[in-house]
């Protein structure tokens, strides 16, 4: 969906609260999923949307990019001693895949995660949090929760489903003009800040 104002505002909130530098790299270089493909409720929409996710936007292709970019940031900002990552939807999948052995990160977060897979949780070895919406499939969320909290409980593994929030509530689809949407957005970013701060 791209880099929406709501996503950028969330980054500003995190930056201000933690006195941290927050980067939002555009790995997809402007080639985003088309909102017209969602929901993928016709054969044509499914073909386009899942073709995009399996082709151009296949998350494993971007893990190396995330790590390389982070290493460039580390070289540019040698005074920064801890690096964290959070990703929304598709970006959350990339972050999870980058949170394994030899990761440059000390902590990671997935927000309304796309393509959540408990198998990914088995390889994450840093403190990791997932904030899911009611729209994420319940079974993978529960499986991820079991694995991540069992494996990382002592160092920081946490999964929560926001049962009244919809996919995208902390990014592009945020409904900041409505009390419930704004409150969920603020609560979510407060949780992110608290988790990253620990």
N, C-alpha and C. Protein backbone atom coordinates (compact mmCIF):
# COMPACT_ATOMS: atom_id res chain seq x y z
N UNK A 1 0.81 -1.20 0.00
CA UNK A 1 0.00 0.00 0.00
C UNK A 1 0.85 1.26 0.00
N UNK A 2 2.11 1.13 0.31
CA UNK A 2 2.98 2.29 0.26
C UNK A 2 3.16 2.97 1.59
N UNK A 3 3.80 4.11 1.54
CA UNK A 3 4.14 4.86 2.75
C UNK A 3 3.09 5.94 2.99
N UNK A 4 2.06 5.58 3.73
CA UNK A 4 0.96 6.52 3.97
C UNK A 4 1.32 7.53 5.06
N UNK A 5 0.54 8.58 5.12
CA UNK A 5 0.73 9.60 6.16
C UNK A 5 0.59 8.98 7.55
N UNK A 6 -0.36 8.06 7.71
CA UNK A 6 -0.57 7.43 9.01
C UNK A 6 0.64 6.60 9.43
N UNK A 7 1.28 5.94 8.47
CA UNK A 7 2.48 5.15 8.75
C UNK A 7 3.62 6.08 9.16
N UNK A 8 3.77 7.17 8.43
CA UNK A 8 4.82 8.14 8.75
C UNK A 8 4.57 8.80 10.11
N UNK A 9 3.31 9.08 10.40
CA UNK A 9 2.98 9.67 11.69
C UNK A 9 3.34 8.70 12.81
N UNK A 10 3.07 7.40 12.61
CA UNK A 10 3.45 6.40 13.60
C UNK A 10 4.94 6.39 13.84
N UNK A 11 5.72 6.50 12.76
CA UNK A 11 7.18 6.55 12.89
C UNK A 11 7.61 7.79 13.67
N UNK A 12 6.94 8.91 13.44
CA UNK A 12 7.24 10.14 14.19
C UNK A 12 6.94 9.96 15.68
N UNK A 13 5.84 9.28 15.98
CA UNK A 13 5.46 9.04 17.38
C UNK A 13 6.54 8.21 18.07
N UNK A 14 6.98 7.14 17.40
CA UNK A 14 8.02 6.28 17.96
C UNK A 14 9.33 7.06 18.13
N UNK A 15 9.69 7.81 17.12
CA UNK A 15 10.94 8.59 17.15
C UNK A 15 10.94 9.58 18.31
N UNK A 16 9.86 10.31 18.44
CA UNK A 16 9.77 11.33 19.49
C UNK A 16 9.79 10.69 20.88
N UNK A 17 9.05 9.61 21.06
CA UNK A 17 8.95 8.98 22.38
C UNK A 17 10.26 8.34 22.83
N UNK A 18 11.01 7.81 21.88
CA UNK A 18 12.25 7.10 22.22
C UNK A 18 13.51 7.94 21.98
N UNK A 19 13.31 9.16 21.49
CA UNK A 19 14.46 9.99 21.09
C UNK A 19 15.36 9.17 20.17
N UNK A 20 14.73 8.60 19.16
CA UNK A 20 15.42 7.66 18.27
C UNK A 20 15.28 8.10 16.82
N UNK A 21 16.19 7.63 16.02
CA UNK A 21 16.09 7.83 14.57
C UNK A 21 15.23 6.69 14.03
N UNK A 22 14.21 7.03 13.26
CA UNK A 22 13.37 6.00 12.64
C UNK A 22 13.45 6.18 11.13
N UNK A 23 13.89 5.15 10.46
CA UNK A 23 13.98 5.16 9.00
C UNK A 23 12.81 4.38 8.43
N UNK A 24 12.30 4.86 7.29
CA UNK A 24 11.23 4.16 6.58
C UNK A 24 11.70 3.94 5.14
N UNK A 25 12.51 2.93 4.91
CA UNK A 25 12.99 2.71 3.54
C UNK A 25 11.87 2.19 2.64
N UNK A 26 11.87 2.61 1.41
CA UNK A 26 10.87 2.16 0.43
C UNK A 26 11.48 1.04 -0.41
N UNK A 27 11.48 -0.16 0.14
CA UNK A 27 12.07 -1.30 -0.57
C UNK A 27 11.35 -1.62 -1.87
N UNK A 28 10.06 -1.34 -1.92
CA UNK A 28 9.27 -1.68 -3.11
C UNK A 28 9.37 -0.61 -4.19
N UNK A 29 10.07 0.46 -3.90
CA UNK A 29 10.36 1.52 -4.87
C UNK A 29 9.13 1.99 -5.64
N UNK A 30 8.05 2.19 -4.88
CA UNK A 30 6.84 2.73 -5.48
C UNK A 30 5.95 1.71 -6.18
N UNK A 31 6.36 0.47 -6.24
CA UNK A 31 5.56 -0.58 -6.89
C UNK A 31 4.79 -1.31 -5.79
N UNK A 32 3.60 -0.80 -5.47
CA UNK A 32 2.81 -1.31 -4.36
C UNK A 32 1.63 -2.13 -4.84
N UNK A 33 1.10 -2.92 -3.90
CA UNK A 33 -0.15 -3.63 -4.17
C UNK A 33 -1.23 -2.59 -4.45
N UNK A 34 -2.08 -2.89 -5.38
CA UNK A 34 -3.17 -1.99 -5.75
C UNK A 34 -4.34 -2.20 -4.80
N UNK A 35 -4.84 -1.14 -4.19
CA UNK A 35 -5.96 -1.24 -3.26
C UNK A 35 -7.18 -1.88 -3.92
N UNK A 36 -7.30 -1.78 -5.24
CA UNK A 36 -8.43 -2.38 -5.96
C UNK A 36 -8.40 -3.91 -5.90
N UNK A 37 -7.25 -4.49 -5.55
CA UNK A 37 -7.14 -5.95 -5.45
C UNK A 37 -7.70 -6.47 -4.13
N UNK A 38 -8.03 -5.56 -3.23
CA UNK A 38 -8.48 -5.96 -1.90
C UNK A 38 -9.93 -5.60 -1.66
N UNK A 39 -10.67 -6.45 -0.99
CA UNK A 39 -10.25 -7.79 -0.61
C UNK A 39 -10.09 -8.67 -1.86
N UNK A 40 -9.24 -9.68 -1.79
CA UNK A 40 -9.04 -10.57 -2.95
C UNK A 40 -10.19 -11.57 -3.06
N UNK A 41 -11.38 -11.06 -3.40
CA UNK A 41 -12.59 -11.87 -3.37
C UNK A 41 -13.07 -12.34 -4.74
N UNK A 42 -12.27 -12.12 -5.77
CA UNK A 42 -12.56 -12.68 -7.09
C UNK A 42 -11.30 -13.37 -7.58
N UNK A 43 -11.46 -14.23 -8.55
CA UNK A 43 -10.30 -14.94 -9.09
C UNK A 43 -9.28 -13.96 -9.66
N UNK A 44 -9.76 -12.93 -10.35
CA UNK A 44 -8.85 -11.94 -10.94
C UNK A 44 -8.06 -11.19 -9.86
N UNK A 45 -8.76 -10.76 -8.79
CA UNK A 45 -8.08 -10.05 -7.70
C UNK A 45 -7.07 -10.96 -7.00
N UNK A 46 -7.47 -12.21 -6.75
CA UNK A 46 -6.55 -13.16 -6.10
C UNK A 46 -5.30 -13.36 -6.93
N UNK A 47 -5.49 -13.53 -8.23
CA UNK A 47 -4.35 -13.72 -9.14
C UNK A 47 -3.38 -12.54 -9.06
N UNK A 48 -3.94 -11.34 -9.13
CA UNK A 48 -3.09 -10.14 -9.11
C UNK A 48 -2.41 -9.95 -7.76
N UNK A 49 -3.19 -10.06 -6.69
CA UNK A 49 -2.64 -9.80 -5.36
C UNK A 49 -1.60 -10.85 -4.97
N UNK A 50 -1.96 -12.11 -5.08
CA UNK A 50 -1.03 -13.16 -4.65
C UNK A 50 0.12 -13.33 -5.64
N UNK A 51 -0.11 -12.99 -6.89
CA UNK A 51 0.98 -12.98 -7.86
C UNK A 51 2.01 -11.93 -7.50
N UNK A 52 1.54 -10.78 -7.07
CA UNK A 52 2.42 -9.70 -6.62
C UNK A 52 3.24 -10.14 -5.40
N UNK A 53 2.55 -10.75 -4.42
CA UNK A 53 3.23 -11.17 -3.19
C UNK A 53 4.21 -12.32 -3.40
N UNK A 54 3.94 -13.14 -4.38
CA UNK A 54 4.84 -14.27 -4.66
C UNK A 54 5.92 -13.90 -5.66
N UNK A 55 5.71 -12.80 -6.37
CA UNK A 55 6.67 -12.37 -7.39
C UNK A 55 7.47 -11.17 -6.93
N UNK A 56 7.10 -10.01 -7.44
CA UNK A 56 7.86 -8.79 -7.17
C UNK A 56 8.07 -8.54 -5.68
N UNK A 57 7.01 -8.74 -4.89
CA UNK A 57 7.07 -8.39 -3.47
C UNK A 57 7.30 -9.59 -2.56
N UNK A 58 7.83 -10.67 -3.05
CA UNK A 58 8.08 -11.85 -2.21
C UNK A 58 8.99 -11.46 -1.04
N UNK A 59 8.51 -11.55 0.20
CA UNK A 59 9.28 -11.07 1.35
C UNK A 59 10.71 -11.61 1.46
N UNK A 60 10.97 -12.88 1.20
CA UNK A 60 12.36 -13.35 1.36
C UNK A 60 13.36 -12.57 0.49
N UNK A 61 12.90 -12.02 -0.62
CA UNK A 61 13.80 -11.25 -1.50
C UNK A 61 14.29 -9.97 -0.83
N UNK A 62 13.55 -9.48 0.15
CA UNK A 62 13.85 -8.18 0.75
C UNK A 62 14.57 -8.27 2.10
N UNK A 63 14.76 -9.47 2.60
CA UNK A 63 15.48 -9.63 3.88
C UNK A 63 16.91 -9.13 3.74
N UNK A 64 17.59 -9.57 2.70
CA UNK A 64 18.97 -9.14 2.47
C UNK A 64 19.03 -7.61 2.33
N UNK A 65 18.06 -7.05 1.63
CA UNK A 65 18.01 -5.60 1.44
C UNK A 65 17.87 -4.89 2.79
N UNK A 66 16.97 -5.38 3.64
CA UNK A 66 16.78 -4.78 4.96
C UNK A 66 18.08 -4.83 5.77
N UNK A 67 18.73 -5.96 5.76
CA UNK A 67 19.98 -6.10 6.52
C UNK A 67 21.08 -5.20 5.95
N UNK A 68 21.18 -5.14 4.63
CA UNK A 68 22.20 -4.28 4.00
C UNK A 68 21.95 -2.81 4.31
N UNK A 69 20.70 -2.38 4.19
CA UNK A 69 20.35 -0.98 4.47
C UNK A 69 20.63 -0.66 5.94
N UNK A 70 20.29 -1.58 6.82
CA UNK A 70 20.55 -1.37 8.24
C UNK A 70 22.04 -1.24 8.51
N UNK A 71 22.83 -2.06 7.87
CA UNK A 71 24.29 -1.96 8.04
C UNK A 71 24.82 -0.63 7.51
N UNK A 72 24.22 -0.11 6.44
CA UNK A 72 24.59 1.22 5.95
C UNK A 72 24.23 2.30 6.98
N UNK A 73 23.03 2.17 7.57
CA UNK A 73 22.62 3.12 8.60
C UNK A 73 23.57 3.04 9.79
N UNK A 74 23.94 1.84 10.18
CA UNK A 74 24.86 1.67 11.31
C UNK A 74 26.20 2.36 11.05
N UNK A 75 26.68 2.26 9.82
CA UNK A 75 27.95 2.91 9.47
C UNK A 75 27.80 4.43 9.49
N UNK A 76 26.62 4.92 9.09
CA UNK A 76 26.38 6.37 9.06
C UNK A 76 26.13 6.96 10.44
N UNK A 77 25.66 6.13 11.36
CA UNK A 77 25.32 6.59 12.71
C UNK A 77 26.01 5.69 13.74
N UNK A 78 27.35 5.77 13.82
CA UNK A 78 28.09 4.86 14.70
C UNK A 78 27.78 5.04 16.19
N UNK A 79 27.20 6.16 16.55
CA UNK A 79 26.85 6.39 17.95
C UNK A 79 25.62 5.63 18.40
N UNK A 80 24.85 5.12 17.46
CA UNK A 80 23.65 4.34 17.80
C UNK A 80 24.10 2.94 18.17
N UNK A 81 23.77 2.50 19.37
CA UNK A 81 24.26 1.22 19.86
C UNK A 81 23.24 0.09 19.77
N UNK A 82 21.97 0.42 19.65
CA UNK A 82 20.92 -0.61 19.55
C UNK A 82 20.04 -0.29 18.35
N UNK A 83 19.75 -1.32 17.57
CA UNK A 83 18.91 -1.17 16.39
C UNK A 83 17.72 -2.11 16.50
N UNK A 84 16.55 -1.55 16.30
CA UNK A 84 15.32 -2.34 16.30
C UNK A 84 14.65 -2.20 14.96
N UNK A 85 13.69 -3.07 14.71
CA UNK A 85 12.93 -3.00 13.46
C UNK A 85 11.47 -3.30 13.75
N UNK A 86 10.59 -2.55 13.09
CA UNK A 86 9.18 -2.93 13.11
C UNK A 86 8.64 -2.78 11.71
N UNK A 87 7.68 -3.63 11.39
CA UNK A 87 7.09 -3.60 10.07
C UNK A 87 5.59 -3.82 10.14
N UNK A 88 4.89 -3.16 9.24
CA UNK A 88 3.44 -3.29 9.16
C UNK A 88 3.10 -4.20 7.99
N UNK A 89 2.18 -5.11 8.20
CA UNK A 89 1.69 -6.04 7.17
C UNK A 89 2.86 -6.74 6.49
N UNK A 90 3.06 -6.48 5.21
CA UNK A 90 4.15 -7.09 4.43
C UNK A 90 5.50 -6.82 5.08
N UNK A 91 5.71 -5.61 5.55
CA UNK A 91 6.97 -5.26 6.19
C UNK A 91 7.22 -6.06 7.45
N UNK A 92 6.15 -6.44 8.14
CA UNK A 92 6.29 -7.28 9.32
C UNK A 92 6.85 -8.65 8.99
N UNK A 93 6.43 -9.18 7.86
CA UNK A 93 6.96 -10.48 7.41
C UNK A 93 8.46 -10.36 7.14
N UNK A 94 8.86 -9.30 6.45
CA UNK A 94 10.28 -9.08 6.16
C UNK A 94 11.06 -8.96 7.47
N UNK A 95 10.52 -8.20 8.42
CA UNK A 95 11.19 -8.02 9.71
C UNK A 95 11.33 -9.36 10.44
N UNK A 96 10.27 -10.17 10.44
CA UNK A 96 10.34 -11.48 11.11
C UNK A 96 11.43 -12.34 10.49
N UNK A 97 11.49 -12.35 9.17
CA UNK A 97 12.49 -13.17 8.48
C UNK A 97 13.91 -12.66 8.73
N UNK A 98 14.03 -11.38 9.05
CA UNK A 98 15.35 -10.78 9.32
C UNK A 98 15.74 -10.86 10.80
N UNK A 99 14.88 -11.44 11.62
CA UNK A 99 15.12 -11.48 13.08
C UNK A 99 15.71 -12.81 13.53
N UNK A 100 16.44 -13.44 12.65
CA UNK A 100 17.02 -14.76 12.94
C UNK A 100 18.51 -14.62 13.24
N UNK A 101 19.24 -15.70 13.14
CA UNK A 101 20.69 -15.67 13.39
C UNK A 101 21.36 -14.56 12.59
N UNK A 102 22.35 -13.94 13.21
CA UNK A 102 23.14 -12.88 12.59
C UNK A 102 22.34 -11.64 12.23
N UNK A 103 21.23 -11.42 12.90
CA UNK A 103 20.43 -10.22 12.66
C UNK A 103 21.16 -8.99 13.20
N UNK A 104 21.02 -7.86 12.53
CA UNK A 104 21.61 -6.62 13.07
C UNK A 104 20.75 -5.98 14.16
N UNK A 105 19.59 -6.59 14.42
CA UNK A 105 18.62 -5.99 15.34
C UNK A 105 18.71 -6.61 16.73
N UNK A 106 18.34 -5.81 17.72
CA UNK A 106 18.26 -6.31 19.09
C UNK A 106 16.82 -6.56 19.52
N UNK A 107 15.87 -6.09 18.72
CA UNK A 107 14.45 -6.24 19.02
C UNK A 107 13.67 -6.05 17.72
N UNK A 108 12.51 -6.72 17.61
CA UNK A 108 11.70 -6.57 16.39
C UNK A 108 10.22 -6.69 16.71
N UNK A 109 9.40 -6.10 15.82
CA UNK A 109 7.95 -6.02 16.02
C UNK A 109 7.24 -6.19 14.68
N UNK A 110 6.13 -6.92 14.71
CA UNK A 110 5.23 -7.03 13.55
C UNK A 110 3.88 -6.42 13.93
N UNK A 111 3.35 -5.56 13.08
CA UNK A 111 2.06 -4.92 13.31
C UNK A 111 1.08 -5.33 12.21
N UNK A 112 -0.13 -5.73 12.64
CA UNK A 112 -1.12 -6.33 11.74
C UNK A 112 -0.40 -7.10 10.62
N UNK A 113 0.29 -8.18 11.04
CA UNK A 113 1.23 -8.87 10.16
C UNK A 113 0.57 -9.59 8.99
N UNK A 114 1.19 -9.45 7.84
CA UNK A 114 0.79 -10.22 6.67
C UNK A 114 1.58 -11.51 6.63
N UNK A 115 0.96 -12.56 6.16
CA UNK A 115 1.62 -13.85 5.93
C UNK A 115 2.28 -14.40 7.19
N UNK A 116 1.64 -14.21 8.33
CA UNK A 116 2.18 -14.69 9.60
C UNK A 116 2.29 -16.20 9.57
N UNK A 117 3.45 -16.72 9.92
CA UNK A 117 3.71 -18.16 9.85
C UNK A 117 4.44 -18.59 11.12
N UNK A 118 3.84 -19.52 11.90
CA UNK A 118 4.50 -20.00 13.12
C UNK A 118 5.90 -20.56 12.86
N UNK A 119 6.16 -21.04 11.66
CA UNK A 119 7.50 -21.56 11.33
C UNK A 119 8.55 -20.45 11.44
N UNK A 120 8.17 -19.22 11.11
CA UNK A 120 9.11 -18.09 11.25
C UNK A 120 9.47 -17.88 12.72
N UNK A 121 8.48 -18.05 13.60
CA UNK A 121 8.70 -17.82 15.03
C UNK A 121 9.75 -18.76 15.60
N UNK A 122 9.86 -19.93 15.03
CA UNK A 122 10.82 -20.93 15.53
C UNK A 122 12.27 -20.51 15.33
N UNK A 123 12.49 -19.53 14.45
CA UNK A 123 13.86 -19.11 14.16
C UNK A 123 14.20 -17.72 14.69
N UNK A 124 13.21 -17.00 15.19
CA UNK A 124 13.47 -15.66 15.74
C UNK A 124 14.24 -15.82 17.05
N UNK A 125 15.32 -15.07 17.20
CA UNK A 125 16.14 -15.24 18.41
C UNK A 125 16.44 -13.92 19.13
N UNK A 126 15.58 -12.94 18.93
CA UNK A 126 15.67 -11.67 19.66
C UNK A 126 14.29 -11.36 20.22
N UNK A 127 14.17 -10.46 21.19
CA UNK A 127 12.84 -10.09 21.67
C UNK A 127 11.96 -9.66 20.48
N UNK A 128 10.74 -10.20 20.45
CA UNK A 128 9.87 -10.00 19.29
C UNK A 128 8.43 -9.87 19.76
N UNK A 129 7.73 -8.89 19.21
CA UNK A 129 6.32 -8.67 19.54
C UNK A 129 5.49 -8.67 18.27
N UNK A 130 4.27 -9.21 18.38
CA UNK A 130 3.31 -9.18 17.29
C UNK A 130 2.01 -8.57 17.81
N UNK A 131 1.51 -7.55 17.12
CA UNK A 131 0.19 -7.00 17.39
C UNK A 131 -0.66 -7.30 16.17
N UNK A 132 -1.60 -8.23 16.33
CA UNK A 132 -2.46 -8.65 15.23
C UNK A 132 -3.82 -7.97 15.34
N UNK A 133 -4.53 -7.94 14.23
CA UNK A 133 -5.90 -7.41 14.23
C UNK A 133 -6.87 -8.58 14.19
N UNK A 134 -8.15 -8.27 14.30
CA UNK A 134 -9.18 -9.31 14.21
C UNK A 134 -9.21 -9.93 12.82
N UNK A 135 -8.63 -9.27 11.83
CA UNK A 135 -8.68 -9.76 10.44
C UNK A 135 -7.59 -10.76 10.10
N UNK A 136 -6.55 -10.86 10.94
CA UNK A 136 -5.52 -11.85 10.66
C UNK A 136 -6.09 -13.23 10.98
N UNK A 137 -5.76 -14.24 10.18
CA UNK A 137 -6.27 -15.59 10.45
C UNK A 137 -5.88 -16.04 11.87
N UNK A 138 -6.88 -16.48 12.64
CA UNK A 138 -6.67 -16.81 14.06
C UNK A 138 -5.69 -17.96 14.27
N UNK A 139 -5.72 -18.95 13.42
CA UNK A 139 -4.87 -20.13 13.64
C UNK A 139 -3.38 -19.80 13.56
N UNK A 140 -2.91 -19.11 12.51
CA UNK A 140 -1.49 -18.75 12.49
C UNK A 140 -1.10 -17.82 13.65
N UNK A 141 -2.00 -16.91 14.03
CA UNK A 141 -1.69 -16.01 15.15
C UNK A 141 -1.51 -16.83 16.43
N UNK A 142 -2.44 -17.77 16.68
CA UNK A 142 -2.34 -18.61 17.88
C UNK A 142 -1.07 -19.47 17.84
N UNK A 143 -0.76 -20.02 16.68
CA UNK A 143 0.45 -20.83 16.55
C UNK A 143 1.71 -20.02 16.77
N UNK A 144 1.73 -18.82 16.21
CA UNK A 144 2.88 -17.92 16.38
C UNK A 144 3.02 -17.56 17.86
N UNK A 145 1.88 -17.26 18.50
CA UNK A 145 1.89 -16.89 19.92
C UNK A 145 2.48 -18.01 20.77
N UNK A 146 2.04 -19.23 20.53
CA UNK A 146 2.55 -20.37 21.30
C UNK A 146 4.05 -20.51 21.15
N UNK A 147 4.52 -20.46 19.91
CA UNK A 147 5.96 -20.64 19.66
C UNK A 147 6.76 -19.48 20.23
N UNK A 148 6.36 -18.27 19.93
CA UNK A 148 7.16 -17.10 20.32
C UNK A 148 7.19 -16.91 21.84
N UNK A 149 6.07 -17.13 22.49
CA UNK A 149 6.05 -16.93 23.94
C UNK A 149 6.77 -18.06 24.66
N UNK A 150 6.70 -19.28 24.13
CA UNK A 150 7.45 -20.40 24.72
C UNK A 150 8.95 -20.22 24.52
N UNK A 151 9.35 -19.85 23.32
CA UNK A 151 10.78 -19.73 23.00
C UNK A 151 11.41 -18.47 23.57
N UNK A 152 10.68 -17.37 23.49
CA UNK A 152 11.29 -16.08 23.83
C UNK A 152 10.74 -15.46 25.11
N UNK A 153 9.91 -16.20 25.82
CA UNK A 153 9.28 -15.64 27.01
C UNK A 153 10.26 -14.98 27.96
N UNK A 154 11.39 -15.62 28.18
CA UNK A 154 12.37 -15.09 29.13
C UNK A 154 13.06 -13.82 28.61
N UNK A 155 13.25 -13.73 27.29
CA UNK A 155 13.93 -12.55 26.75
C UNK A 155 12.97 -11.55 26.13
N UNK A 156 11.71 -11.93 25.99
CA UNK A 156 10.74 -10.98 25.47
C UNK A 156 10.03 -11.43 24.21
N UNK A 157 9.08 -12.31 24.38
CA UNK A 157 8.23 -12.72 23.26
C UNK A 157 6.79 -12.43 23.62
N UNK A 158 6.08 -11.71 22.76
CA UNK A 158 4.72 -11.28 23.10
C UNK A 158 3.87 -11.20 21.84
N UNK A 159 2.65 -11.74 21.93
CA UNK A 159 1.69 -11.66 20.83
C UNK A 159 0.33 -11.26 21.41
N UNK A 160 -0.30 -10.28 20.79
CA UNK A 160 -1.65 -9.87 21.21
C UNK A 160 -2.49 -9.59 19.98
N UNK A 161 -3.76 -9.99 20.07
CA UNK A 161 -4.71 -9.65 19.02
C UNK A 161 -5.62 -8.53 19.51
N UNK A 162 -5.70 -7.48 18.74
CA UNK A 162 -6.62 -6.37 19.01
C UNK A 162 -7.96 -6.77 18.39
N UNK A 163 -8.85 -7.27 19.21
CA UNK A 163 -10.08 -7.90 18.71
C UNK A 163 -11.07 -6.92 18.10
N UNK A 164 -10.91 -5.64 18.33
CA UNK A 164 -11.83 -4.67 17.72
C UNK A 164 -11.18 -3.89 16.58
N UNK A 165 -9.89 -4.14 16.34
CA UNK A 165 -9.19 -3.42 15.29
C UNK A 165 -9.11 -4.25 14.01
N UNK A 166 -9.01 -3.58 12.91
CA UNK A 166 -9.02 -4.15 11.57
C UNK A 166 -7.59 -4.15 11.02
N UNK A 167 -7.37 -4.95 9.99
CA UNK A 167 -6.04 -5.00 9.38
C UNK A 167 -5.67 -3.60 8.87
N UNK A 168 -4.50 -3.14 9.24
CA UNK A 168 -4.03 -1.83 8.79
C UNK A 168 -4.32 -0.70 9.76
N UNK A 169 -4.82 -1.04 10.98
CA UNK A 169 -5.23 0.03 11.90
C UNK A 169 -4.08 0.91 12.37
N UNK A 170 -2.85 0.46 12.20
CA UNK A 170 -1.71 1.28 12.62
C UNK A 170 -0.98 1.89 11.44
N UNK A 171 -1.54 1.75 10.26
CA UNK A 171 -0.89 2.26 9.06
C UNK A 171 -1.89 2.88 8.10
N UNK A 172 -1.84 2.44 6.87
CA UNK A 172 -2.65 3.01 5.80
C UNK A 172 -4.13 3.08 6.12
N UNK A 173 -4.67 2.05 6.77
CA UNK A 173 -6.11 1.99 7.02
C UNK A 173 -6.53 2.62 8.34
N UNK A 174 -5.63 3.28 9.04
CA UNK A 174 -5.96 3.88 10.33
C UNK A 174 -7.15 4.83 10.18
N UNK A 175 -8.05 4.75 11.14
CA UNK A 175 -9.24 5.62 11.15
C UNK A 175 -9.07 6.61 12.30
N UNK A 176 -8.20 7.58 12.08
CA UNK A 176 -7.86 8.52 13.14
C UNK A 176 -8.96 9.53 13.40
N UNK A 177 -9.94 9.59 12.52
CA UNK A 177 -11.06 10.51 12.71
C UNK A 177 -12.18 9.89 13.55
N UNK A 178 -11.99 8.63 13.97
CA UNK A 178 -12.98 7.94 14.80
C UNK A 178 -12.33 7.58 16.14
N UNK A 179 -13.08 7.74 17.22
CA UNK A 179 -12.52 7.50 18.56
C UNK A 179 -11.90 6.12 18.68
N UNK A 180 -12.63 5.08 18.28
CA UNK A 180 -12.12 3.72 18.45
C UNK A 180 -10.85 3.49 17.63
N UNK A 181 -10.85 3.97 16.39
CA UNK A 181 -9.67 3.81 15.54
C UNK A 181 -8.47 4.58 16.07
N UNK A 182 -8.71 5.81 16.51
CA UNK A 182 -7.63 6.64 17.06
C UNK A 182 -7.08 6.02 18.35
N UNK A 183 -7.99 5.53 19.21
CA UNK A 183 -7.56 4.93 20.47
C UNK A 183 -6.75 3.66 20.22
N UNK A 184 -7.17 2.84 19.25
CA UNK A 184 -6.41 1.63 18.92
C UNK A 184 -5.04 1.96 18.36
N UNK A 185 -4.99 2.98 17.54
CA UNK A 185 -3.72 3.44 16.94
C UNK A 185 -2.76 3.90 18.04
N UNK A 186 -3.26 4.75 18.95
CA UNK A 186 -2.43 5.27 20.03
C UNK A 186 -2.00 4.14 20.96
N UNK A 187 -2.94 3.27 21.32
CA UNK A 187 -2.59 2.15 22.20
C UNK A 187 -1.53 1.26 21.55
N UNK A 188 -1.69 0.98 20.26
CA UNK A 188 -0.73 0.14 19.55
C UNK A 188 0.66 0.74 19.54
N UNK A 189 0.76 2.01 19.18
CA UNK A 189 2.08 2.65 19.15
C UNK A 189 2.67 2.80 20.54
N UNK A 190 1.83 2.97 21.56
CA UNK A 190 2.33 3.00 22.93
C UNK A 190 2.94 1.65 23.29
N UNK A 191 2.29 0.56 22.88
CA UNK A 191 2.85 -0.77 23.13
C UNK A 191 4.17 -0.97 22.40
N UNK A 192 4.23 -0.51 21.17
CA UNK A 192 5.48 -0.61 20.39
C UNK A 192 6.60 0.13 21.12
N UNK A 193 6.32 1.34 21.54
CA UNK A 193 7.31 2.16 22.23
C UNK A 193 7.79 1.47 23.51
N UNK A 194 6.85 0.97 24.30
CA UNK A 194 7.22 0.30 25.55
C UNK A 194 8.06 -0.94 25.28
N UNK A 195 7.71 -1.70 24.25
CA UNK A 195 8.46 -2.93 23.94
C UNK A 195 9.86 -2.59 23.44
N UNK A 196 9.96 -1.60 22.57
CA UNK A 196 11.27 -1.22 22.05
C UNK A 196 12.16 -0.62 23.14
N UNK A 197 11.54 0.05 24.08
CA UNK A 197 12.29 0.72 25.15
C UNK A 197 12.94 -0.29 26.11
N UNK A 198 12.31 -1.43 26.31
CA UNK A 198 12.80 -2.42 27.31
C UNK A 198 14.14 -2.96 26.99
